[in-house]
Amino acid sequence: MGNDYQNPEDLLIDSTFQKYCAGTDKHSKAYWEKWINENADKKELFDAAVKLYYILNGNKKPVDKQLILLESKLETPTPAKIIPLGSRHNILKIAVAAAAVIIGSLLFFRYQTFKSENDVTNRTAVYTANNGVKRKIVLEDGTQVFLNSASKLTVYKDFNKNDREVFLSGEAFFDVAHNKKKPFKVFTEKFNVKVLGTSFNIKTYKGDNTSEITLLRGAITMEDNRNPGSLITMRPSQKVIVYANVKKQEKKTNALRGSHLPSEIAINHYTLGSDSSVAEIAWSKNRIEISDQTFADIKPILERWYNVNIQFAPPGFSDYRFTATFNNESITDVLNALQKAHHFKYSLTKNNIIISK
């Protein structure tokens, strides 16, 4: 059963897991203690879900609006304007559905004195961008969010009433409207970010070896979910890199690393492109910036950007390194350009690309 859970959200929508975290049911407690003993390979996932549970609940009460966010399978939209970004498909679809999921009756019964009926039936809006698609979203507070391909942003229906909190999976550029009384918070599977008014980019795709936060303007604080309490304050032009593989990270040099940082985190400057633009947000302007990256590094970028699947046959091609900039070129134009740097052949059948000698 351990393989059924692939990310913290999968655990958080399980009512027995909620009871385990809340300490309201001895059977759930026994079940999950046995589960983690039998699924040691899921311990990091389990710990992240527990940590996220308490973060979303403010360490105060077992059920909060933020938990409803993760339980909702069907959502209604928050009053936000959706503005299409130019893309090769020119068709943008928003994945917003209606309905709400009521918290498990046992949890609600125990904590109903803390919550009004409106809180329990709170709903959320989920905005998605599939492969090959990008979106621009304007939230109720005026914050602009540019959502990259294969990404999802979850927003509360009561966003901007008492707080401003969203949950991100994938990549997005945020231009946050300033509001000193209501800090803007972004929750992700690996870390959380708190800001007042600023612009920054978050890249945190499931399965990638690294996640990144790039700050352009203002200041933000970031907390790594694996190191509770490890707050990092970022300044403009800085980029925080969170490594999933610590050994891989330890091989890197980092002039900006501070001795106080966990080994899983590094701080660098963002990358300037050939036109002095910031490479980390080039995607929001329909540009692909490749800076001394391997074929293996750019493979998921191209797959998400063009909605294709790429295979190396043999796998040795993955070590080829490239530096290039592409402005709305087709996938064939990109591959033809890369061929000028390294010799390889490719075949394209529907959405499948095979790289060969």
Protein backbone atom coordinates (compact mmCIF):
# COMPACT_ATOMS: atom_id res chain seq x y z
CA MET A 1 0.00 0.00 0.00
CA GLY A 2 3.00 2.27 0.55
CA ASN A 3 3.42 2.66 -3.18
CA ASP A 4 -0.02 4.31 -3.42
CA TYR A 5 1.39 7.48 -1.88
CA GLN A 6 3.62 9.47 -4.21
CA ASN A 7 3.62 12.92 -2.55
CA PRO A 8 2.61 14.54 0.76
CA GLU A 9 -0.78 15.63 -0.62
CA ASP A 10 -1.70 11.96 -1.15
CA LEU A 11 -1.22 11.33 2.55
CA LEU A 12 -2.90 14.53 3.66
CA ILE A 13 -6.19 13.70 1.94
CA ASP A 14 -6.34 10.36 3.80
CA SER A 15 -8.72 10.80 6.75
CA THR A 16 -6.89 8.22 8.86
CA PHE A 17 -3.63 10.09 8.35
CA GLN A 18 -5.34 13.30 9.52
CA LYS A 19 -6.49 11.47 12.65
CA TYR A 20 -2.95 10.17 13.18
CA CYS A 21 -1.51 13.70 13.01
CA ALA A 22 -4.29 15.09 15.19
CA GLY A 23 -3.98 12.25 17.74
CA THR A 24 -7.74 11.70 17.74
CA ASP A 25 -7.90 7.97 17.01
CA LYS A 26 -5.80 5.18 18.52
CA HIS A 27 -6.53 2.80 15.63
CA SER A 28 -5.22 5.32 13.10
CA LYS A 29 -2.15 5.88 15.27
CA ALA A 30 -1.42 2.14 15.40
CA TYR A 31 -2.02 1.73 11.68
CA TRP A 32 0.32 4.52 10.60
CA GLU A 33 3.06 3.52 13.02
CA LYS A 34 2.95 0.04 11.53
CA TRP A 35 2.79 1.48 8.00
CA ILE A 36 5.94 3.57 8.37
CA ASN A 37 7.81 0.61 9.87
CA GLU A 38 6.88 -1.50 6.85
CA ASN A 39 7.58 1.29 4.32
CA ALA A 40 10.94 2.68 5.43
CA ASP A 41 11.59 3.96 1.89
CA LYS A 42 8.65 6.33 2.35
CA LYS A 43 9.92 7.87 5.59
CA GLU A 44 11.02 11.14 3.97
CA LEU A 45 7.64 11.44 2.25
CA PHE A 46 5.85 10.60 5.51
CA ASP A 47 7.84 13.14 7.54
CA ALA A 48 7.22 15.83 4.90
CA ALA A 49 3.47 15.17 5.05
CA VAL A 50 3.43 15.39 8.86
CA LYS A 51 5.49 18.59 8.71
CA LEU A 52 3.17 20.06 6.06
CA TYR A 53 0.12 19.10 8.13
CA TYR A 54 1.31 21.17 11.08
CA ILE A 55 2.55 24.02 8.89
CA LEU A 56 -0.85 24.29 7.22
CA ASN A 57 -2.59 24.14 10.55
CA GLY A 58 -0.36 26.70 12.23
CA ASN A 59 0.45 24.18 15.02
CA LYS A 60 -2.82 25.23 16.67
CA LYS A 61 -5.67 22.94 15.71
CA PRO A 62 -5.95 19.66 13.77
CA VAL A 63 -8.11 20.95 10.95
CA ASP A 64 -7.73 24.26 9.12
CA LYS A 65 -8.66 25.80 5.82
CA GLN A 66 -5.29 24.85 4.41
CA LEU A 67 -5.99 21.15 4.99
CA ILE A 68 -9.30 21.45 3.17
CA LEU A 69 -7.26 22.78 0.25
CA LEU A 70 -5.37 19.52 -0.01
CA GLU A 71 -8.47 17.39 0.50
CA SER A 72 -10.49 18.98 -2.28
CA LYS A 73 -10.62 16.89 -5.40
CA LEU A 74 -13.11 19.19 -7.10
CA GLU A 75 -12.75 22.92 -6.72
CA THR A 76 -14.57 26.15 -7.52
CA PRO A 77 -12.67 29.13 -8.86
CA THR A 78 -11.49 32.08 -6.80
CA PRO A 79 -12.44 35.46 -8.33
CA ALA A 80 -9.31 35.82 -10.44
CA LYS A 81 -8.79 36.86 -14.03
CA ILE A 82 -7.15 34.34 -16.35
CA ILE A 83 -5.12 35.95 -19.13
CA PRO A 84 -3.70 33.68 -21.89
CA LEU A 85 0.03 33.88 -22.54
CA GLY A 86 1.20 33.59 -26.12
CA SER A 87 2.11 29.98 -26.92
CA ARG A 88 2.40 27.71 -29.83
CA HIS A 89 -0.99 26.20 -29.08
CA ASN A 90 -2.85 29.48 -28.36
CA ILE A 91 -5.41 27.42 -26.47
CA LEU A 92 -5.39 27.76 -22.70
CA LYS A 93 -7.66 25.65 -20.54
CA ILE A 94 -8.20 26.09 -16.83
CA ALA A 95 -8.81 23.07 -14.67
CA VAL A 96 -11.37 24.45 -12.25
CA ALA A 97 -14.33 22.34 -11.11
CA ALA A 98 -17.03 22.84 -8.50
CA ALA A 99 -17.72 21.02 -5.23
CA ALA A 100 -16.22 20.73 -1.78
CA VAL A 101 -15.11 17.83 0.36
CA ILE A 102 -16.25 17.88 3.99
CA ILE A 103 -13.59 16.99 6.58
CA GLY A 104 -13.98 13.57 8.18
CA SER A 105 -16.90 13.56 10.61
CA LEU A 106 -14.83 12.52 13.60
CA LEU A 107 -12.36 15.37 13.22
CA PHE A 108 -15.14 17.85 12.60
CA PHE A 109 -17.11 16.68 15.63
CA ARG A 110 -14.12 17.11 17.93
CA TYR A 111 -13.14 20.53 16.63
CA GLN A 112 -16.47 22.02 15.56
CA THR A 113 -16.21 24.59 18.36
CA PHE A 114 -13.19 26.03 16.56
CA LYS A 115 -14.73 26.25 13.12
CA SER A 116 -17.81 27.76 11.57
CA GLU A 117 -19.87 25.96 8.96
CA ASN A 118 -18.39 28.19 6.29
CA ASP A 119 -14.88 27.10 7.29
CA VAL A 120 -15.73 23.42 6.97
CA THR A 121 -17.28 23.81 3.54
CA ASN A 122 -14.49 26.08 2.32
CA ARG A 123 -13.54 25.52 -1.31
CA THR A 124 -10.47 26.09 -3.41
CA ALA A 125 -9.50 26.92 -6.97
CA VAL A 126 -6.88 24.93 -8.85
CA TYR A 127 -5.20 26.39 -11.93
CA THR A 128 -3.17 24.06 -14.14
CA ALA A 129 -0.92 24.41 -17.17
CA ASN A 130 -0.39 21.21 -19.12
CA ASN A 131 2.71 20.36 -21.12
CA GLY A 132 3.19 22.85 -23.93
CA VAL A 133 0.97 25.46 -22.24
CA LYS A 134 1.64 28.51 -20.04
CA ARG A 135 -0.82 30.72 -18.18
CA LYS A 136 -0.98 34.13 -16.60
CA ILE A 137 -3.23 34.45 -13.56
CA VAL A 138 -4.16 37.69 -11.80
CA LEU A 139 -5.24 36.99 -8.22
CA GLU A 140 -7.81 39.01 -6.30
CA ASP A 141 -5.12 41.06 -4.50
CA GLY A 142 -3.52 42.09 -7.80
CA THR A 143 -0.67 39.58 -7.61
CA GLN A 144 0.32 38.28 -11.05
CA VAL A 145 1.31 34.65 -11.41
CA PHE A 146 2.87 33.23 -14.58
CA LEU A 147 2.41 29.45 -14.55
CA ASN A 148 4.85 27.34 -16.56
CA SER A 149 4.09 24.06 -18.35
CA ALA A 150 3.24 20.99 -16.24
CA SER A 151 2.46 23.15 -13.21
CA LYS A 152 -0.42 23.59 -10.77
CA LEU A 153 -1.38 26.45 -8.45
CA THR A 154 -3.95 25.98 -5.69
CA VAL A 155 -5.68 29.09 -4.27
CA TYR A 156 -8.24 29.41 -1.46
CA LYS A 157 -11.71 30.73 -2.15
CA ASP A 158 -11.27 33.24 0.72
CA PHE A 159 -7.85 34.30 -0.54
CA ASN A 160 -6.99 37.87 0.55
CA LYS A 161 -9.70 38.02 3.22
CA ASN A 162 -7.59 36.98 6.18
CA ASP A 163 -4.39 35.79 4.53
CA ARG A 164 -2.76 35.18 1.15
CA GLU A 165 -1.64 31.58 0.79
CA VAL A 166 -1.19 29.32 -2.24
CA PHE A 167 0.24 25.88 -2.93
CA LEU A 168 2.52 25.34 -5.96
CA SER A 169 3.62 22.24 -7.81
CA GLY A 170 5.87 22.88 -10.83
CA GLU A 171 7.15 26.34 -11.78
CA ALA A 172 5.73 29.84 -11.51
CA PHE A 173 6.88 33.45 -11.55
CA PHE A 174 5.21 35.64 -8.91
CA ASP A 175 4.89 39.42 -9.00
CA VAL A 176 3.32 39.93 -5.57
CA ALA A 177 1.20 42.95 -4.72
CA HIS A 178 2.50 44.62 -1.56
CA ASN A 179 0.39 44.24 1.59
CA LYS A 180 2.24 44.61 4.88
CA LYS A 181 -0.72 43.29 6.89
CA LYS A 182 -1.13 40.16 4.79
CA PRO A 183 2.16 38.41 3.91
CA PHE A 184 2.03 36.28 0.78
CA LYS A 185 2.94 32.62 1.42
CA VAL A 186 3.78 29.93 -1.10
CA PHE A 187 3.76 26.32 0.12
CA THR A 188 5.53 23.60 -1.88
CA GLU A 189 6.41 19.97 -1.22
CA LYS A 190 10.04 20.83 -0.42
CA PHE A 191 10.00 24.33 1.06
CA ASN A 192 7.82 27.32 1.97
CA VAL A 193 8.26 30.98 1.08
CA LYS A 194 6.95 34.12 2.82
CA VAL A 195 6.98 37.60 1.24
CA LEU A 196 5.32 41.01 1.56
CA GLY A 197 5.60 42.44 -1.93
CA THR A 198 8.21 41.27 -4.39
CA SER A 199 8.89 39.34 -7.61
CA PHE A 200 10.46 35.90 -7.64
CA ASN A 201 10.48 32.58 -9.47
CA ILE A 202 9.94 29.15 -7.94
CA LYS A 203 10.84 25.95 -9.78
CA THR A 204 9.97 22.73 -7.97
CA TYR A 205 9.01 19.93 -10.33
CA LYS A 206 8.42 16.48 -8.89
CA GLY A 207 11.28 14.16 -9.87
CA ASP A 208 13.84 16.90 -10.58
CA ASN A 209 17.16 16.69 -8.73
CA THR A 210 16.96 20.36 -7.72
CA SER A 211 14.37 22.96 -6.81
CA GLU A 212 15.09 26.68 -7.10
CA ILE A 213 13.92 30.05 -5.82
CA THR A 214 15.16 33.09 -7.76
CA LEU A 215 14.59 36.56 -6.29
CA LEU A 216 14.45 39.60 -8.56
CA ARG A 217 13.02 42.29 -6.31
CA GLY A 218 12.30 42.76 -2.61
CA ALA A 219 13.11 40.20 0.09
CA ILE A 220 11.72 36.81 1.02
CA THR A 221 12.23 34.20 3.71
CA MET A 222 12.39 30.52 2.85
CA GLU A 223 12.14 27.42 5.05
CA ASP A 224 13.30 23.97 3.95
CA ASN A 225 10.71 21.37 4.98
CA ARG A 226 13.49 18.87 5.77
CA ASN A 227 15.09 21.31 8.22
CA PRO A 228 12.32 22.87 10.35
CA GLY A 229 13.24 26.31 11.61
CA SER A 230 16.02 26.77 9.05
CA LEU A 231 14.87 30.17 7.77
CA ILE A 232 16.88 31.78 4.97
CA THR A 233 16.42 35.43 4.05
CA MET A 234 17.09 36.11 0.37
CA ARG A 235 18.19 39.35 -1.26
CA PRO A 236 17.67 40.53 -4.85
CA SER A 237 19.72 38.65 -7.49
CA GLN A 238 20.13 35.61 -5.25
CA LYS A 239 19.05 32.08 -6.13
CA VAL A 240 18.53 29.35 -3.53
CA ILE A 241 19.02 25.79 -4.80
CA VAL A 242 17.52 22.90 -2.84
CA TYR A 243 19.11 19.56 -3.70
CA ALA A 244 17.25 16.28 -3.50
CA ASN A 245 20.58 14.44 -3.75
CA VAL A 246 22.98 15.79 -1.10
CA LYS A 247 26.00 13.89 -2.41
CA LYS A 248 25.56 15.44 -5.82
CA GLN A 249 25.33 18.89 -4.28
CA GLU A 250 28.45 18.42 -2.16
CA LYS A 251 30.54 18.09 -5.32
CA LYS A 252 29.61 21.63 -6.36
CA THR A 253 31.54 24.76 -5.49
CA ASN A 254 29.62 27.65 -4.06
CA ALA A 255 31.26 30.96 -3.22
CA LEU A 256 28.11 32.25 -1.54
CA ARG A 257 27.57 29.25 0.73
CA GLY A 258 27.40 30.13 4.40
CA SER A 259 28.47 27.72 7.09
CA HIS A 260 25.02 28.07 8.67
CA LEU A 261 23.27 26.53 5.66
CA PRO A 262 22.19 22.87 5.62
CA SER A 263 24.17 20.68 3.23
CA GLU A 264 21.06 20.27 1.05
CA ILE A 265 20.94 24.00 0.23
CA ALA A 266 23.19 26.37 -1.71
CA ILE A 267 22.93 30.08 -2.53
CA ASN A 268 24.18 31.48 -5.83
CA HIS A 269 23.54 34.50 -8.06
CA TYR A 270 20.97 34.20 -10.81
CA THR A 271 22.17 33.72 -14.39
CA LEU A 272 22.26 36.59 -16.87
CA GLY A 273 21.51 35.75 -20.48
CA SER A 274 23.21 37.18 -23.55
CA ASP A 275 20.87 40.20 -23.48
CA SER A 276 21.41 40.77 -19.72
CA SER A 277 17.99 39.25 -18.95
CA VAL A 278 17.55 36.80 -16.08
CA ALA A 279 17.79 33.29 -17.51
CA GLU A 280 15.71 31.74 -14.73
CA ILE A 281 12.56 33.63 -15.82
CA ALA A 282 13.17 33.54 -19.60
CA TRP A 283 10.40 30.92 -19.88
CA SER A 284 7.81 33.55 -18.85
CA LYS A 285 8.75 35.50 -21.98
CA ASN A 286 8.49 32.40 -24.19
CA ARG A 287 12.26 31.92 -24.30
CA ILE A 288 14.35 28.87 -23.48
CA GLU A 289 17.73 29.76 -21.94
CA ILE A 290 20.30 26.96 -21.82
CA SER A 291 23.53 27.77 -19.98
CA ASP A 292 26.22 25.05 -20.07
CA GLN A 293 23.64 22.36 -19.33
CA THR A 294 23.75 18.69 -20.25
CA PHE A 295 21.30 17.00 -22.58
CA ALA A 296 19.97 15.22 -19.48
CA ASP A 297 19.36 18.60 -17.81
CA ILE A 298 17.45 20.11 -20.74
CA LYS A 299 15.52 16.92 -21.57
CA PRO A 300 12.69 17.57 -19.05
CA ILE A 301 12.62 21.25 -20.08
CA LEU A 302 12.03 20.34 -23.72
CA GLU A 303 9.55 17.61 -22.81
CA ARG A 304 7.40 19.99 -20.77
CA TRP A 305 7.79 22.88 -23.23
CA TYR A 306 6.86 20.94 -26.38
CA ASN A 307 4.77 18.13 -24.84
CA VAL A 308 7.08 15.40 -26.15
CA ASN A 309 8.89 12.33 -24.80
CA ILE A 310 12.65 12.12 -25.42
CA GLN A 311 14.76 8.96 -25.27
CA PHE A 312 18.52 8.54 -25.65
CA ALA A 313 19.67 5.47 -27.59
CA PRO A 314 22.35 4.85 -26.44
CA PRO A 315 22.25 6.89 -23.22
CA GLY A 316 25.72 8.42 -23.72
CA PHE A 317 24.21 11.47 -25.42
CA SER A 318 22.87 12.69 -22.09
CA ASP A 319 26.34 14.04 -21.17
CA TYR A 320 26.53 16.44 -24.12
CA ARG A 321 26.62 20.07 -22.89
CA PHE A 322 24.91 23.02 -24.58
CA THR A 323 24.55 26.79 -24.29
CA ALA A 324 21.82 28.37 -26.39
CA THR A 325 18.76 30.64 -26.48
CA PHE A 326 15.55 29.81 -28.31
CA ASN A 327 12.65 32.18 -28.99
CA ASN A 328 9.47 30.28 -29.84
CA GLU A 329 11.26 27.90 -32.20
CA SER A 330 9.72 24.54 -33.00
CA ILE A 331 11.15 21.38 -31.45
CA THR A 332 12.74 20.45 -34.79
CA ASP A 333 14.41 23.86 -35.01
CA VAL A 334 15.77 23.38 -31.50
CA LEU A 335 17.14 19.92 -32.22
CA ASN A 336 18.66 21.06 -35.52
CA ALA A 337 20.44 23.88 -33.70
CA LEU A 338 21.74 21.54 -30.99
CA GLN A 339 23.12 19.26 -33.69
CA LYS A 340 25.52 22.04 -34.68
CA ALA A 341 27.17 21.81 -31.25
CA HIS A 342 27.30 18.00 -31.02
CA HIS A 343 26.78 15.30 -33.59
CA PHE A 344 23.65 13.22 -33.11
CA LYS A 345 20.61 12.10 -35.08
CA TYR A 346 16.99 12.16 -34.05
CA SER A 347 13.70 10.70 -35.18
CA LEU A 348 10.33 12.26 -34.41
CA THR A 349 7.16 10.16 -34.42
CA LYS A 350 4.11 11.97 -33.13
CA ASN A 351 5.23 13.14 -29.67
CA ASN A 352 8.11 10.68 -29.32
CA ILE A 353 11.73 11.66 -30.04
CA ILE A 354 14.64 9.22 -30.12
CA ILE A 355 18.20 10.63 -30.01
CA SER A 356 20.74 8.32 -31.66
CA LYS A 357 24.12 8.24 -33.42
